[in-house]
Amino acid sequence: MFQLDPRLAAVSTELAAWPLSRVLLMNDASYPWLILVPVRAGMRELIDLAVADRAVLLDEIVRACDILRAMVKPDKLNVAALGNVVAQLHVHVIARFATDAAWPRPVWGVKPPVPYTPAALADFQRRFAAAAR
């Protein structure tokens, strides 16, 4: 049975349930940052997914990129499935800007996360829902 890794749950808010993945928002207002987690038990690597699920995941990654592009107009979209800290298969989709604190480096470890305020989180959720239609 699928269970979201508690470490992902602790640092994110669920935005949507798509056909394959839960769509999470990383609780770091410094970067518009989605995490897609395929709802399949025991998945660690992309190659662990069934062929049909891989195709669905790719479509969902593209959808997440399209939504972030429409919402925030980034300079670049970073897509990564690392899993060094959390082994559960998940894909990061991060909107990047030439003006962000980490540019052009990866976002991890550059500065402590800046949690969303309740108002900023509600605004992101509203704009995400509108863009996802």
N, C-alpha and C. Protein backbone atom coordinates (compact mmCIF):
# COMPACT_ATOMS: atom_id res chain seq x y z
N MET A 1 0.84 -1.18 0.00
CA MET A 1 0.00 0.00 0.00
C MET A 1 0.89 1.25 0.00
N PHE A 2 0.53 2.23 -0.79
CA PHE A 2 1.31 3.47 -0.89
C PHE A 2 1.20 4.29 0.39
N GLN A 3 2.34 4.81 0.83
CA GLN A 3 2.38 5.78 1.91
C GLN A 3 3.41 6.83 1.54
N LEU A 4 3.03 8.08 1.70
CA LEU A 4 3.96 9.17 1.46
C LEU A 4 5.04 9.15 2.53
N ASP A 5 6.29 9.26 2.10
CA ASP A 5 7.40 9.30 3.05
C ASP A 5 7.18 10.46 4.01
N PRO A 6 7.30 10.23 5.32
CA PRO A 6 7.05 11.29 6.30
C PRO A 6 7.96 12.50 6.12
N ARG A 7 9.14 12.31 5.57
CA ARG A 7 10.04 13.46 5.36
C ARG A 7 9.50 14.38 4.27
N LEU A 8 8.88 13.81 3.24
CA LEU A 8 8.25 14.64 2.21
C LEU A 8 7.01 15.34 2.79
N ALA A 9 6.23 14.59 3.56
CA ALA A 9 5.03 15.17 4.17
C ALA A 9 5.38 16.33 5.09
N ALA A 10 6.50 16.24 5.78
CA ALA A 10 6.88 17.27 6.75
C ALA A 10 7.31 18.58 6.12
N VAL A 11 7.71 18.55 4.85
CA VAL A 11 8.24 19.77 4.22
C VAL A 11 7.38 20.25 3.06
N SER A 12 6.16 19.74 2.96
CA SER A 12 5.35 20.09 1.80
C SER A 12 3.86 20.11 2.15
N THR A 13 3.10 20.64 1.19
CA THR A 13 1.64 20.67 1.27
C THR A 13 1.11 20.05 0.00
N GLU A 14 0.13 19.17 0.12
CA GLU A 14 -0.46 18.57 -1.07
C GLU A 14 -1.34 19.59 -1.79
N LEU A 15 -1.10 19.71 -3.11
CA LEU A 15 -1.88 20.61 -3.95
C LEU A 15 -2.94 19.88 -4.76
N ALA A 16 -2.62 18.65 -5.18
CA ALA A 16 -3.53 17.95 -6.09
C ALA A 16 -3.21 16.46 -6.09
N ALA A 17 -4.20 15.69 -6.52
CA ALA A 17 -4.01 14.27 -6.79
C ALA A 17 -4.29 14.08 -8.28
N TRP A 18 -3.24 13.79 -9.03
CA TRP A 18 -3.35 13.56 -10.46
C TRP A 18 -3.48 12.06 -10.72
N PRO A 19 -3.71 11.63 -11.94
CA PRO A 19 -3.93 10.21 -12.19
C PRO A 19 -2.85 9.29 -11.61
N LEU A 20 -1.58 9.69 -11.66
CA LEU A 20 -0.51 8.86 -11.10
C LEU A 20 0.06 9.45 -9.82
N SER A 21 0.23 10.74 -9.78
CA SER A 21 1.03 11.35 -8.72
C SER A 21 0.25 12.26 -7.79
N ARG A 22 0.75 12.33 -6.57
CA ARG A 22 0.36 13.42 -5.69
C ARG A 22 1.26 14.59 -6.06
N VAL A 23 0.68 15.77 -6.10
CA VAL A 23 1.44 16.97 -6.41
C VAL A 23 1.59 17.74 -5.10
N LEU A 24 2.83 17.92 -4.69
CA LEU A 24 3.14 18.61 -3.44
C LEU A 24 3.81 19.94 -3.74
N LEU A 25 3.63 20.89 -2.84
CA LEU A 25 4.34 22.16 -2.89
C LEU A 25 5.37 22.15 -1.78
N MET A 26 6.65 22.29 -2.13
CA MET A 26 7.71 22.38 -1.13
C MET A 26 7.51 23.65 -0.33
N ASN A 27 7.62 23.55 0.98
CA ASN A 27 7.39 24.70 1.86
C ASN A 27 8.65 25.58 1.91
N ASP A 28 8.98 26.15 0.76
CA ASP A 28 10.09 27.10 0.66
C ASP A 28 9.68 28.16 -0.35
N ALA A 29 9.26 29.30 0.16
CA ALA A 29 8.75 30.37 -0.69
C ALA A 29 9.84 31.02 -1.54
N SER A 30 11.10 30.64 -1.33
CA SER A 30 12.19 31.18 -2.14
C SER A 30 12.13 30.69 -3.57
N TYR A 31 11.54 29.51 -3.77
CA TYR A 31 11.49 28.90 -5.09
C TYR A 31 10.12 28.27 -5.29
N PRO A 32 9.40 28.59 -6.36
CA PRO A 32 8.18 27.84 -6.68
C PRO A 32 8.60 26.41 -7.02
N TRP A 33 8.22 25.44 -6.18
CA TRP A 33 8.86 24.11 -6.20
C TRP A 33 7.80 23.04 -5.97
N LEU A 34 7.51 22.31 -7.03
CA LEU A 34 6.57 21.20 -6.94
C LEU A 34 7.32 19.89 -6.80
N ILE A 35 6.68 18.93 -6.15
CA ILE A 35 7.22 17.58 -6.04
C ILE A 35 6.10 16.63 -6.46
N LEU A 36 6.39 15.79 -7.44
CA LEU A 36 5.44 14.79 -7.90
C LEU A 36 5.85 13.44 -7.32
N VAL A 37 4.91 12.79 -6.64
CA VAL A 37 5.18 11.50 -6.02
C VAL A 37 4.21 10.47 -6.60
N PRO A 38 4.71 9.56 -7.45
CA PRO A 38 3.82 8.53 -7.98
C PRO A 38 3.21 7.69 -6.85
N VAL A 39 1.92 7.48 -6.92
CA VAL A 39 1.21 6.75 -5.89
C VAL A 39 1.30 5.25 -6.21
N ARG A 40 2.50 4.74 -6.00
CA ARG A 40 2.81 3.33 -6.20
C ARG A 40 3.72 2.90 -5.06
N ALA A 41 3.39 1.82 -4.41
CA ALA A 41 4.18 1.34 -3.27
C ALA A 41 5.54 0.82 -3.72
N GLY A 42 6.54 1.11 -2.93
CA GLY A 42 7.86 0.53 -3.13
C GLY A 42 8.68 1.10 -4.26
N MET A 43 8.26 2.19 -4.86
CA MET A 43 9.01 2.75 -5.99
C MET A 43 10.18 3.59 -5.47
N ARG A 44 11.36 3.32 -6.04
CA ARG A 44 12.57 4.08 -5.67
C ARG A 44 13.19 4.77 -6.88
N GLU A 45 13.09 4.16 -8.03
CA GLU A 45 13.72 4.67 -9.25
C GLU A 45 12.68 4.79 -10.35
N LEU A 46 12.92 5.67 -11.31
CA LEU A 46 12.03 5.79 -12.47
C LEU A 46 11.87 4.45 -13.17
N ILE A 47 12.94 3.69 -13.24
CA ILE A 47 12.90 2.40 -13.94
C ILE A 47 12.10 1.34 -13.18
N ASP A 48 11.72 1.62 -11.93
CA ASP A 48 10.87 0.70 -11.18
C ASP A 48 9.41 0.80 -11.61
N LEU A 49 9.03 1.90 -12.23
CA LEU A 49 7.64 2.07 -12.67
C LEU A 49 7.34 1.19 -13.87
N ALA A 50 6.12 0.75 -13.98
CA ALA A 50 5.66 0.06 -15.18
C ALA A 50 5.78 1.01 -16.36
N VAL A 51 5.93 0.46 -17.54
CA VAL A 51 6.12 1.27 -18.75
C VAL A 51 4.98 2.29 -18.90
N ALA A 52 3.76 1.85 -18.71
CA ALA A 52 2.62 2.77 -18.86
C ALA A 52 2.69 3.89 -17.82
N ASP A 53 3.09 3.58 -16.59
CA ASP A 53 3.21 4.60 -15.55
C ASP A 53 4.33 5.59 -15.87
N ARG A 54 5.40 5.13 -16.49
CA ARG A 54 6.48 6.05 -16.88
C ARG A 54 5.96 7.10 -17.85
N ALA A 55 5.12 6.67 -18.78
CA ALA A 55 4.55 7.61 -19.76
C ALA A 55 3.63 8.62 -19.06
N VAL A 56 2.84 8.14 -18.11
CA VAL A 56 1.95 9.04 -17.37
C VAL A 56 2.77 10.02 -16.55
N LEU A 57 3.83 9.54 -15.90
CA LEU A 57 4.66 10.43 -15.10
C LEU A 57 5.29 11.51 -15.96
N LEU A 58 5.78 11.15 -17.13
CA LEU A 58 6.35 12.17 -18.02
C LEU A 58 5.30 13.22 -18.39
N ASP A 59 4.09 12.78 -18.68
CA ASP A 59 3.01 13.73 -18.99
C ASP A 59 2.73 14.64 -17.79
N GLU A 60 2.77 14.08 -16.58
CA GLU A 60 2.51 14.88 -15.39
C GLU A 60 3.66 15.86 -15.12
N ILE A 61 4.89 15.47 -15.41
CA ILE A 61 6.03 16.39 -15.27
C ILE A 61 5.85 17.57 -16.23
N VAL A 62 5.47 17.27 -17.47
CA VAL A 62 5.25 18.34 -18.45
C VAL A 62 4.10 19.25 -17.98
N ARG A 63 3.05 18.65 -17.44
CA ARG A 63 1.93 19.45 -16.94
C ARG A 63 2.38 20.36 -15.80
N ALA A 64 3.18 19.83 -14.88
CA ALA A 64 3.68 20.63 -13.77
C ALA A 64 4.55 21.78 -14.29
N CYS A 65 5.39 21.49 -15.26
CA CYS A 65 6.23 22.54 -15.87
C CYS A 65 5.36 23.62 -16.52
N ASP A 66 4.36 23.19 -17.27
CA ASP A 66 3.46 24.15 -17.93
C ASP A 66 2.76 25.04 -16.91
N ILE A 67 2.32 24.45 -15.80
CA ILE A 67 1.62 25.21 -14.77
C ILE A 67 2.56 26.24 -14.14
N LEU A 68 3.76 25.80 -13.76
CA LEU A 68 4.70 26.75 -13.17
C LEU A 68 5.08 27.85 -14.15
N ARG A 69 5.28 27.48 -15.41
CA ARG A 69 5.63 28.49 -16.42
C ARG A 69 4.50 29.54 -16.53
N ALA A 70 3.26 29.07 -16.53
CA ALA A 70 2.13 30.00 -16.63
C ALA A 70 2.00 30.85 -15.37
N MET A 71 2.25 30.26 -14.21
CA MET A 71 2.06 30.96 -12.95
C MET A 71 3.15 32.00 -12.67
N VAL A 72 4.42 31.64 -12.91
CA VAL A 72 5.50 32.50 -12.41
C VAL A 72 6.50 32.95 -13.47
N LYS A 73 6.36 32.48 -14.70
CA LYS A 73 7.24 32.93 -15.80
C LYS A 73 8.73 32.80 -15.45
N PRO A 74 9.21 31.59 -15.14
CA PRO A 74 10.61 31.42 -14.72
C PRO A 74 11.59 31.58 -15.88
N ASP A 75 12.85 31.81 -15.52
CA ASP A 75 13.91 31.82 -16.52
C ASP A 75 14.28 30.40 -16.94
N LYS A 76 14.08 29.44 -16.02
CA LYS A 76 14.45 28.05 -16.27
C LYS A 76 13.60 27.15 -15.39
N LEU A 77 13.32 25.96 -15.88
CA LEU A 77 12.63 24.94 -15.09
C LEU A 77 13.61 23.80 -14.83
N ASN A 78 13.85 23.48 -13.57
CA ASN A 78 14.70 22.35 -13.21
C ASN A 78 13.82 21.16 -12.88
N VAL A 79 14.14 20.01 -13.45
CA VAL A 79 13.42 18.76 -13.19
C VAL A 79 14.44 17.73 -12.74
N ALA A 80 14.20 17.11 -11.58
CA ALA A 80 15.18 16.17 -11.04
C ALA A 80 14.50 15.09 -10.21
N ALA A 81 15.02 13.87 -10.33
CA ALA A 81 14.61 12.75 -9.47
C ALA A 81 15.89 12.25 -8.81
N LEU A 82 16.19 12.77 -7.63
CA LEU A 82 17.46 12.45 -6.98
C LEU A 82 17.32 11.29 -6.00
N GLY A 83 16.61 11.50 -4.92
CA GLY A 83 16.36 10.42 -3.98
C GLY A 83 17.52 10.06 -3.08
N ASN A 84 18.50 10.93 -2.93
CA ASN A 84 19.63 10.62 -2.06
C ASN A 84 19.24 10.66 -0.59
N VAL A 85 18.32 11.54 -0.22
CA VAL A 85 17.88 11.66 1.17
C VAL A 85 16.59 10.89 1.38
N VAL A 86 15.63 11.07 0.50
CA VAL A 86 14.34 10.35 0.54
C VAL A 86 14.33 9.38 -0.62
N ALA A 87 14.39 8.10 -0.33
CA ALA A 87 14.49 7.09 -1.39
C ALA A 87 13.19 6.92 -2.18
N GLN A 88 12.05 7.25 -1.58
CA GLN A 88 10.78 7.10 -2.29
C GLN A 88 10.83 7.90 -3.59
N LEU A 89 10.42 7.28 -4.68
CA LEU A 89 10.44 7.95 -5.97
C LEU A 89 9.63 9.24 -5.91
N HIS A 90 10.29 10.34 -6.26
CA HIS A 90 9.64 11.64 -6.35
C HIS A 90 10.44 12.49 -7.32
N VAL A 91 9.75 13.40 -7.97
CA VAL A 91 10.36 14.26 -8.98
C VAL A 91 10.16 15.71 -8.58
N HIS A 92 11.28 16.44 -8.52
CA HIS A 92 11.25 17.86 -8.22
C HIS A 92 11.06 18.64 -9.52
N VAL A 93 10.18 19.62 -9.50
CA VAL A 93 9.99 20.54 -10.61
C VAL A 93 10.09 21.93 -10.00
N ILE A 94 11.20 22.62 -10.29
CA ILE A 94 11.52 23.87 -9.61
C ILE A 94 11.64 25.00 -10.62
N ALA A 95 10.87 26.06 -10.39
CA ALA A 95 10.97 27.26 -11.22
C ALA A 95 12.16 28.06 -10.73
N ARG A 96 13.05 28.40 -11.66
CA ARG A 96 14.28 29.12 -11.30
C ARG A 96 14.33 30.47 -11.99
N PHE A 97 14.99 31.40 -11.32
CA PHE A 97 15.14 32.75 -11.82
C PHE A 97 16.60 33.16 -11.70
N ALA A 98 17.08 33.92 -12.66
CA ALA A 98 18.46 34.40 -12.62
C ALA A 98 18.71 35.26 -11.38
N THR A 99 17.65 35.73 -10.75
CA THR A 99 17.77 36.57 -9.55
C THR A 99 17.63 35.78 -8.25
N ASP A 100 17.38 34.46 -8.30
CA ASP A 100 17.21 33.73 -7.05
C ASP A 100 18.57 33.50 -6.36
N ALA A 101 18.52 33.25 -5.06
CA ALA A 101 19.72 33.17 -4.23
C ALA A 101 20.68 32.06 -4.66
N ALA A 102 20.18 31.03 -5.28
CA ALA A 102 21.02 29.89 -5.64
C ALA A 102 21.55 29.95 -7.08
N TRP A 103 20.99 30.81 -7.88
CA TRP A 103 21.33 30.84 -9.31
C TRP A 103 22.83 31.00 -9.52
N PRO A 104 23.44 30.25 -10.38
CA PRO A 104 22.92 29.18 -11.25
C PRO A 104 23.10 27.79 -10.63
N ARG A 105 23.42 27.72 -9.36
CA ARG A 105 23.64 26.44 -8.68
C ARG A 105 22.31 25.76 -8.34
N PRO A 106 22.38 24.47 -7.94
CA PRO A 106 21.18 23.81 -7.43
C PRO A 106 20.67 24.52 -6.17
N VAL A 107 19.41 24.37 -5.86
CA VAL A 107 18.80 25.08 -4.74
C VAL A 107 19.14 24.48 -3.38
N TRP A 108 19.50 23.22 -3.35
CA TRP A 108 19.70 22.53 -2.08
C TRP A 108 20.88 23.10 -1.30
N GLY A 109 20.63 23.45 -0.03
CA GLY A 109 21.69 23.85 0.88
C GLY A 109 22.23 25.25 0.71
N VAL A 110 21.67 26.04 -0.19
CA VAL A 110 22.19 27.38 -0.41
C VAL A 110 21.80 28.31 0.75
N LYS A 111 20.56 28.21 1.17
CA LYS A 111 20.09 29.00 2.31
C LYS A 111 18.94 28.26 2.97
N PRO A 112 18.67 28.55 4.22
CA PRO A 112 17.56 27.86 4.89
C PRO A 112 16.23 28.15 4.18
N PRO A 113 15.32 27.17 4.18
CA PRO A 113 14.01 27.40 3.56
C PRO A 113 13.27 28.56 4.23
N VAL A 114 12.52 29.26 3.41
CA VAL A 114 11.66 30.35 3.89
C VAL A 114 10.22 29.83 3.79
N PRO A 115 9.63 29.43 4.91
CA PRO A 115 8.27 28.86 4.85
C PRO A 115 7.25 29.86 4.30
N TYR A 116 6.27 29.32 3.59
CA TYR A 116 5.17 30.15 3.13
C TYR A 116 4.37 30.67 4.32
N THR A 117 3.96 31.92 4.24
CA THR A 117 2.99 32.41 5.22
C THR A 117 1.65 31.78 4.87
N PRO A 118 0.72 31.73 5.81
CA PRO A 118 -0.60 31.18 5.47
C PRO A 118 -1.24 31.89 4.27
N ALA A 119 -1.11 33.20 4.19
CA ALA A 119 -1.70 33.95 3.08
C ALA A 119 -1.00 33.61 1.76
N ALA A 120 0.31 33.53 1.77
CA ALA A 120 1.06 33.20 0.54
C ALA A 120 0.76 31.78 0.10
N LEU A 121 0.62 30.85 1.04
CA LEU A 121 0.27 29.47 0.70
C LEU A 121 -1.12 29.41 0.08
N ALA A 122 -2.07 30.09 0.67
CA ALA A 122 -3.44 30.11 0.12
C ALA A 122 -3.45 30.71 -1.28
N ASP A 123 -2.66 31.75 -1.49
CA ASP A 123 -2.57 32.37 -2.81
C ASP A 123 -1.97 31.41 -3.83
N PHE A 124 -0.90 30.72 -3.45
CA PHE A 124 -0.27 29.76 -4.37
C PHE A 124 -1.27 28.65 -4.70
N GLN A 125 -1.95 28.12 -3.71
CA GLN A 125 -2.93 27.06 -3.94
C GLN A 125 -4.02 27.51 -4.90
N ARG A 126 -4.50 28.73 -4.71
CA ARG A 126 -5.55 29.27 -5.58
C ARG A 126 -5.05 29.40 -7.01
N ARG A 127 -3.85 29.99 -7.18
CA ARG A 127 -3.29 30.18 -8.52
C ARG A 127 -2.95 28.85 -9.17
N PHE A 128 -2.46 27.90 -8.40
CA PHE A 128 -2.17 26.57 -8.94
C PHE A 128 -3.46 25.91 -9.45
N ALA A 129 -4.49 25.94 -8.64
CA ALA A 129 -5.76 25.33 -9.04
C ALA A 129 -6.29 25.97 -10.32
N ALA A 130 -6.19 27.27 -10.43
CA ALA A 130 -6.66 27.96 -11.63
C ALA A 130 -5.82 27.57 -12.86
N ALA A 131 -4.52 27.50 -12.69
CA ALA A 131 -3.64 27.16 -13.81
C ALA A 131 -3.74 25.69 -14.20
N ALA A 132 -4.14 24.84 -13.25
CA ALA A 132 -4.21 23.40 -13.51
C ALA A 132 -5.47 22.99 -14.26
N ARG A 133 -6.42 23.89 -14.42
CA ARG A 133 -7.68 23.54 -15.10
C ARG A 133 -7.48 23.29 -16.56
